[in-house]
Amino acid sequence: MSARCSLVVNGKSVRISTGDTPLEAALAEGMIASTPGLHGAGLLGQAAGPASRRAQARSRRAESVKLPLPRPQASVTLPEVRPAGAVKRTGTVTGLAQLGPRVTEFVVTVTRRLPLEPGHQVVLSVAGAPPLTLGPTLRVDGSAELNELVFHLAPESDVPGLAAEFCEAIRLGAPVKVKGPVGRAHYRPGGGRLVLVSAGTGFAPIWSIARAARYIEPAREMVVLVGARDPLDLYMRPALDWLRATGIGRVTLVADRSRQRPPDVRPGPLTAHLPPLRATDVVHVAGCASTVGAVEVLAAAAGARCYPVSHPGA
C-alpha cells in the first residue's frame, strides 16, 4: 500500500500520508490555521494564520512521551482507637457529709486518677456490702480534686436495699475498691439542645454533665429538670444557682409531695414538667427506674437521643 494518497478538500487536491486525518492535512497545507488558546494551547481552525510545517506521517512520528505515574504507596493501617476499658483502683473514704434529711455525700480518694468522662459510672466495693454502681460527681459547690470521687446516695431506711447496706458499711478511713468507667451515658459535646433530667440523687451524674457542658459549650442550649419525692430532698440548690448564674434560664424543680413546698418548686410527677422534646434533642436522665423509663419512652416518641442512668437509692 502506498504511503501517500490524494484527498480533495473544498475543491482542492491535497496529498496526505496514510494515517493522517483530514484536519491534519488541511493544517499542513495552510487551508486552516491554529490560534493560541488558553494557557498557550492551540485551538484548531479558529482563525487565519501562518501555516505550520507539514507534520510527519503518523507512521514516522516519534513515540509519545509517557510520564511515569507515581507508584502506589503501601497502605498504612492506623491502630483502631477504642474507648478505654474499665480499670481498677483502690481508695479510701475521706469524706462524709449530710446534704439533706435523706441524702448522704461521701468522698473516695483513689491512689491514681480514673479515666472518666462526666456521666460515667463506677463499681464500688466495700467490705460488708454488695458492690454498688454509682455515678461520680462534684460537690454541690462544684469542687473536687482530680483523685477524688464524690458520690450522692439516699438510702431509705424503710426500704431495705443495696443503697442502705452500702451506706451502713461506709465509714471514714474504710478501704474501697473502684472499677470504671462503666456505662455509655457520658457527656458528648455537640448536637442539639441538651435536656438534663434527674430524680433524687440521680442529680449526681447530671450535675457533672451540666458543669462540664457549661465550660466546654457555653453557647449550647440547655434545659435542666430536677425532681425529688420530698421538697426537703432538693439538696442541689447551690449547684442550680451556679447554672442560673452562667445563663441557664430553664431550671425546673419538682417535688411529688406538697408538704413544705417552696414557691419555686412545682408539684406533680417529674415527667409532667418535661418540655416538648425535639428530634434533635440529646436527653440525659438519671434516677429511679420508673422516672428513667418514662423519660426514655417520651424521648423515643420524639425521636430524640436518650442516655439513661439508673441510680440506686434515688
Protein backbone atom coordinates (compact mmCIF):
# COMPACT_ATOMS: atom_id res chain seq x y z
CA MET A 1 0.00 0.00 0.00
CA SER A 2 1.27 3.49 -0.93
CA ALA A 3 2.38 5.69 1.96
CA ARG A 4 0.61 8.69 0.38
CA CYS A 5 -2.81 9.30 -1.11
CA SER A 6 -4.91 12.18 -2.54
CA LEU A 7 -7.74 13.97 -0.76
CA VAL A 8 -9.99 16.72 -2.11
CA VAL A 9 -10.77 19.45 0.46
CA ASN A 10 -13.06 22.32 -0.66
CA GLY A 11 -12.31 21.53 -4.34
CA LYS A 12 -8.54 21.49 -3.82
CA SER A 13 -6.44 18.33 -4.15
CA VAL A 14 -4.30 17.62 -1.08
CA ARG A 15 -1.60 14.98 -0.80
CA ILE A 16 -1.54 13.38 2.61
CA SER A 17 0.19 10.50 4.26
CA THR A 18 -1.64 7.35 5.15
CA GLY A 19 -2.87 7.61 8.76
CA ASP A 20 -3.26 11.42 8.81
CA THR A 21 -6.66 12.88 9.49
CA PRO A 22 -8.32 15.41 7.11
CA LEU A 23 -7.87 18.07 9.79
CA GLU A 24 -4.12 17.42 9.97
CA ALA A 25 -3.88 17.54 6.15
CA ALA A 26 -5.75 20.87 5.98
CA LEU A 27 -3.45 22.33 8.64
CA ALA A 28 -0.34 21.14 6.77
CA GLU A 29 -1.50 22.76 3.51
CA GLY A 30 -2.38 26.08 5.22
CA MET A 31 -6.06 25.85 4.44
CA ILE A 32 -6.89 26.40 8.14
CA ALA A 33 -4.68 27.57 10.94
CA SER A 34 -4.46 27.17 14.67
CA THR A 35 -4.76 30.04 17.14
CA PRO A 36 -3.39 30.26 20.66
CA GLY A 37 -5.90 29.12 23.26
CA LEU A 38 -6.00 29.01 26.99
CA HIS A 39 -2.62 28.56 28.67
CA GLY A 40 -0.90 28.67 25.21
CA ALA A 41 -2.66 25.60 23.82
CA GLY A 42 -3.66 25.69 20.14
CA LEU A 43 -7.36 25.72 19.31
CA LEU A 44 -7.72 24.25 15.85
CA GLY A 45 -9.48 26.04 12.95
CA GLN A 46 -10.39 29.23 14.79
CA ALA A 47 -8.67 31.95 12.67
CA ALA A 48 -6.28 32.59 9.82
CA GLY A 49 -2.58 32.39 10.50
CA PRO A 50 0.69 31.19 9.12
CA ALA A 51 0.59 27.57 8.09
CA SER A 52 2.74 25.25 10.14
CA ARG A 53 5.17 22.85 8.61
CA ARG A 54 3.78 19.62 7.38
CA ALA A 55 3.50 17.19 10.25
CA GLN A 56 5.28 13.90 9.98
CA ALA A 57 3.27 10.91 8.92
CA ARG A 58 1.82 9.09 11.90
CA SER A 59 3.89 6.03 10.98
CA ARG A 60 7.11 8.10 11.21
CA ARG A 61 6.31 10.13 14.29
CA ALA A 62 8.30 9.64 17.45
CA GLU A 63 6.73 7.63 20.16
CA SER A 64 4.61 9.69 22.50
CA VAL A 65 6.22 10.63 25.77
CA LYS A 66 4.82 8.67 28.64
CA LEU A 67 5.06 10.32 32.04
CA PRO A 68 5.79 7.91 34.84
CA LEU A 69 2.86 7.58 37.20
CA PRO A 70 3.56 7.65 40.92
CA ARG A 71 3.85 4.21 42.35
CA PRO A 72 1.03 3.33 44.71
CA GLN A 73 2.26 3.53 48.23
CA ALA A 74 1.67 0.73 50.63
CA SER A 75 -1.44 1.38 52.65
CA VAL A 76 -0.82 2.26 56.27
CA THR A 77 -3.26 0.77 58.73
CA LEU A 78 -3.71 3.02 61.73
CA PRO A 79 -4.49 1.37 65.04
CA GLU A 80 -8.17 1.41 65.85
CA VAL A 81 -9.00 3.93 68.57
CA ARG A 82 -11.12 2.22 71.17
CA PRO A 83 -12.58 3.68 74.31
CA ALA A 84 -10.58 3.00 77.40
CA GLY A 85 -11.71 -0.14 79.18
CA ALA A 86 -12.56 -0.38 82.84
CA VAL A 87 -9.58 -0.15 85.15
CA LYS A 88 -9.29 -0.93 88.83
CA ARG A 89 -8.20 1.40 91.59
CA THR A 90 -8.04 1.26 95.36
CA GLY A 91 -9.11 4.14 97.54
CA THR A 92 -10.19 5.30 100.97
CA VAL A 93 -13.28 7.07 102.24
CA THR A 94 -12.01 10.54 103.12
CA GLY A 95 -15.25 12.49 103.47
CA LEU A 96 -18.78 12.06 104.78
CA ALA A 97 -21.44 14.78 104.83
CA GLN A 98 -25.19 15.03 105.17
CA LEU A 99 -26.66 17.07 102.28
CA GLY A 100 -30.29 16.64 103.30
CA PRO A 101 -32.51 14.66 105.65
CA ARG A 102 -32.12 11.57 103.45
CA VAL A 103 -29.12 12.39 101.25
CA THR A 104 -25.53 11.47 102.11
CA GLU A 105 -22.38 12.61 100.34
CA PHE A 106 -19.25 10.51 100.62
CA VAL A 107 -15.85 11.07 99.03
CA VAL A 108 -13.42 8.34 97.96
CA THR A 109 -9.80 9.34 97.38
CA VAL A 110 -8.15 6.92 94.94
CA THR A 111 -4.46 6.17 94.58
CA ARG A 112 -4.49 7.05 90.87
CA ARG A 113 -6.96 9.08 88.85
CA LEU A 114 -9.56 7.14 86.85
CA PRO A 115 -10.07 7.91 83.11
CA LEU A 116 -13.66 9.11 83.50
CA GLU A 117 -15.90 11.38 81.45
CA PRO A 118 -18.81 13.29 83.04
CA GLY A 119 -21.76 10.91 83.29
CA HIS A 120 -19.69 7.72 83.52
CA GLN A 121 -20.30 5.30 86.38
CA VAL A 122 -18.03 3.14 88.51
CA VAL A 123 -18.49 -0.05 90.53
CA LEU A 124 -17.69 0.39 94.23
CA SER A 125 -16.84 -2.48 96.55
CA VAL A 126 -16.56 -2.10 100.31
CA ALA A 127 -16.34 -4.78 102.97
CA GLY A 128 -19.70 -5.72 104.42
CA ALA A 129 -21.86 -4.72 101.43
CA PRO A 130 -22.53 -5.94 97.89
CA PRO A 131 -20.89 -3.96 95.04
CA LEU A 132 -22.79 -0.85 94.02
CA THR A 133 -22.72 1.06 90.71
CA LEU A 134 -22.81 4.84 91.13
CA GLY A 135 -22.02 7.94 89.08
CA PRO A 136 -19.16 10.11 90.38
CA THR A 137 -19.95 13.81 90.54
CA LEU A 138 -18.77 17.06 92.10
CA ARG A 139 -19.67 18.64 95.39
CA VAL A 140 -22.70 20.89 95.09
CA ASP A 141 -20.35 23.90 95.06
CA GLY A 142 -18.53 22.39 92.06
CA SER A 143 -15.32 21.43 93.84
CA ALA A 144 -13.43 18.12 93.60
CA GLU A 145 -9.80 17.07 93.36
CA LEU A 146 -8.53 15.03 90.41
CA ASN A 147 -8.09 11.92 92.57
CA GLU A 148 -11.40 12.37 94.39
CA LEU A 149 -14.64 10.60 93.56
CA VAL A 150 -17.70 12.31 95.03
CA PHE A 151 -20.95 10.35 95.38
CA HIS A 152 -24.52 11.16 96.47
CA LEU A 153 -26.66 8.46 97.99
CA ALA A 154 -30.14 8.44 99.54
CA PRO A 155 -30.74 5.19 101.44
CA GLU A 156 -34.32 4.60 102.50
CA SER A 157 -34.44 3.06 105.96
CA ASP A 158 -37.96 1.72 105.37
CA VAL A 159 -36.99 0.18 102.01
CA PRO A 160 -34.02 -2.14 102.56
CA GLY A 161 -31.76 -2.49 99.54
CA LEU A 162 -28.26 -2.20 98.19
CA ALA A 163 -28.00 1.53 98.88
CA ALA A 164 -28.94 1.12 102.55
CA GLU A 165 -26.47 -1.74 103.07
CA PHE A 166 -23.74 0.20 101.33
CA CYS A 167 -24.28 3.31 103.46
CA GLU A 168 -24.13 1.24 106.61
CA ALA A 169 -20.73 -0.12 105.55
CA ILE A 170 -19.30 3.30 104.62
CA ARG A 171 -17.18 4.98 107.30
CA LEU A 172 -14.22 7.33 107.33
CA GLY A 173 -11.00 5.53 106.52
CA ALA A 174 -12.75 2.47 105.06
CA PRO A 175 -10.88 0.89 102.13
CA VAL A 176 -12.80 0.89 98.86
CA LYS A 177 -12.19 -0.87 95.54
CA VAL A 178 -13.22 1.07 92.44
CA LYS A 179 -13.69 -0.24 88.89
CA GLY A 180 -14.56 2.01 85.97
CA PRO A 181 -15.61 3.57 83.78
CA VAL A 182 -18.82 1.67 83.08
CA GLY A 183 -21.92 2.73 81.19
CA ARG A 184 -22.49 4.71 77.99
CA ALA A 185 -24.39 7.74 79.30
CA HIS A 186 -21.35 10.03 79.42
CA TYR A 187 -21.38 13.59 78.10
CA ARG A 188 -20.83 14.01 74.36
CA PRO A 189 -20.12 17.55 73.09
CA GLY A 190 -22.01 18.74 70.03
CA GLY A 191 -25.51 18.07 68.80
CA GLY A 192 -28.77 19.77 69.61
CA ARG A 193 -30.36 21.03 72.78
CA LEU A 194 -29.13 19.34 75.96
CA VAL A 195 -32.04 18.16 78.15
CA LEU A 196 -30.88 17.02 81.60
CA VAL A 197 -33.40 15.22 83.83
CA SER A 198 -32.71 13.87 87.32
CA ALA A 199 -34.72 12.33 90.11
CA GLY A 200 -33.37 12.30 93.65
CA THR A 201 -29.65 11.59 93.87
CA GLY A 202 -29.69 10.91 90.13
CA PHE A 203 -28.68 14.57 90.12
CA ALA A 204 -25.09 13.40 90.81
CA PRO A 205 -24.18 12.35 87.22
CA ILE A 206 -26.42 15.06 85.77
CA TRP A 207 -24.55 17.74 87.73
CA SER A 208 -21.20 16.54 86.39
CA ILE A 209 -22.55 16.67 82.81
CA ALA A 210 -24.12 20.11 83.25
CA ARG A 211 -20.98 21.60 84.77
CA ALA A 212 -18.75 20.23 82.00
CA ALA A 213 -21.12 21.41 79.27
CA ARG A 214 -21.14 24.98 80.60
CA TYR A 215 -17.35 25.13 80.31
CA ILE A 216 -16.97 23.24 77.01
CA GLU A 217 -20.08 24.50 75.17
CA PRO A 218 -21.22 27.73 76.82
CA ALA A 219 -23.43 28.60 73.83
CA ARG A 220 -25.28 25.26 73.76
CA GLU A 221 -28.94 25.41 74.77
CA MET A 222 -29.63 23.52 77.96
CA VAL A 223 -32.75 22.57 79.93
CA VAL A 224 -32.41 21.21 83.49
CA LEU A 225 -35.26 19.39 85.26
CA VAL A 226 -34.72 18.24 88.86
CA GLY A 227 -37.17 16.24 90.95
CA ALA A 228 -37.44 14.63 94.38
CA ARG A 229 -40.06 12.84 96.45
CA ASP A 230 -39.94 15.49 99.17
CA PRO A 231 -39.04 19.20 98.78
CA LEU A 232 -36.57 18.77 101.65
CA ASP A 233 -34.58 16.38 99.45
CA LEU A 234 -33.80 19.11 96.89
CA TYR A 235 -30.27 19.42 98.21
CA MET A 236 -28.78 20.65 94.94
CA ARG A 237 -29.83 24.31 95.13
CA PRO A 238 -26.23 25.70 95.23
CA ALA A 239 -25.48 23.82 92.00
CA LEU A 240 -28.65 25.09 90.34
CA ASP A 241 -27.83 28.65 91.40
CA TRP A 242 -24.47 28.30 89.68
CA LEU A 243 -26.14 27.07 86.48
CA ARG A 244 -28.53 30.04 86.51
CA ALA A 245 -25.61 32.41 87.02
CA THR A 246 -23.95 31.01 83.88
CA GLY A 247 -27.03 31.77 81.77
CA ILE A 248 -29.23 28.67 82.08
CA GLY A 249 -32.74 30.07 82.34
CA ARG A 250 -34.75 26.85 82.14
CA VAL A 251 -34.13 25.19 85.52
CA THR A 252 -37.23 23.49 86.97
CA LEU A 253 -37.61 21.93 90.42
CA VAL A 254 -40.38 19.39 91.08
CA ALA A 255 -41.49 17.50 94.19
CA ASP A 256 -44.11 14.77 94.50
CA ARG A 257 -45.22 15.75 97.99
CA SER A 258 -46.72 19.16 98.64
CA ARG A 259 -45.72 19.41 102.31
CA GLN A 260 -43.50 22.46 102.94
CA ARG A 261 -43.10 23.05 99.21
CA PRO A 262 -41.35 26.38 98.45
CA PRO A 263 -42.91 28.64 95.79
CA ASP A 264 -40.27 27.76 93.19
CA VAL A 265 -40.94 24.01 93.46
CA ARG A 266 -43.67 22.66 91.19
CA PRO A 267 -45.97 19.83 92.26
CA GLY A 268 -46.66 16.56 90.50
CA PRO A 269 -44.62 13.92 88.70
CA LEU A 270 -41.35 14.91 87.06
CA THR A 271 -42.37 13.92 83.54
CA ALA A 272 -45.38 16.27 83.67
CA HIS A 273 -42.97 19.22 83.53
CA LEU A 274 -40.70 17.89 80.81
CA PRO A 275 -40.66 20.35 77.88
CA PRO A 276 -41.82 19.13 74.46
CA LEU A 277 -38.90 17.16 73.07
CA ARG A 278 -37.45 17.63 69.60
CA ALA A 279 -35.86 15.06 67.33
CA THR A 280 -32.57 16.97 67.61
CA ASP A 281 -32.51 16.91 71.43
CA VAL A 282 -29.94 14.98 73.45
CA VAL A 283 -31.52 13.73 76.67
CA HIS A 284 -29.64 12.51 79.75
CA VAL A 285 -31.83 11.11 82.53
CA ALA A 286 -30.72 9.65 85.86
CA GLY A 287 -32.68 8.47 88.88
CA CYS A 288 -35.12 5.76 89.86
CA ALA A 289 -36.13 3.15 87.31
CA SER A 290 -39.68 4.49 86.92
CA THR A 291 -38.54 8.03 86.05
CA VAL A 292 -35.80 6.82 83.72
CA GLY A 293 -38.21 4.51 81.89
CA ALA A 294 -40.86 7.22 81.46
CA VAL A 295 -38.37 9.71 80.02
CA GLU A 296 -36.99 7.04 77.68
CA VAL A 297 -40.48 6.47 76.27
CA LEU A 298 -41.04 10.21 75.72
CA ALA A 299 -37.65 10.62 74.06
CA ALA A 300 -38.28 7.64 71.77
CA ALA A 301 -41.65 9.07 70.74
CA ALA A 302 -39.98 12.35 69.75
CA GLY A 303 -37.05 10.64 68.01
CA ALA A 304 -34.55 12.22 70.43
CA ARG A 305 -31.36 10.54 71.56
CA CYS A 306 -31.59 9.41 75.18
CA TYR A 307 -28.85 8.26 77.55
CA PRO A 308 -30.35 6.71 80.71
CA VAL A 309 -28.62 6.13 84.04
CA SER A 310 -30.31 4.11 86.76
CA HIS A 311 -29.15 5.47 90.13
CA PRO A 312 -29.68 3.23 93.18
CA GLY A 313 -31.33 4.92 96.12
CA ALA A 314 -32.58 7.83 94.05
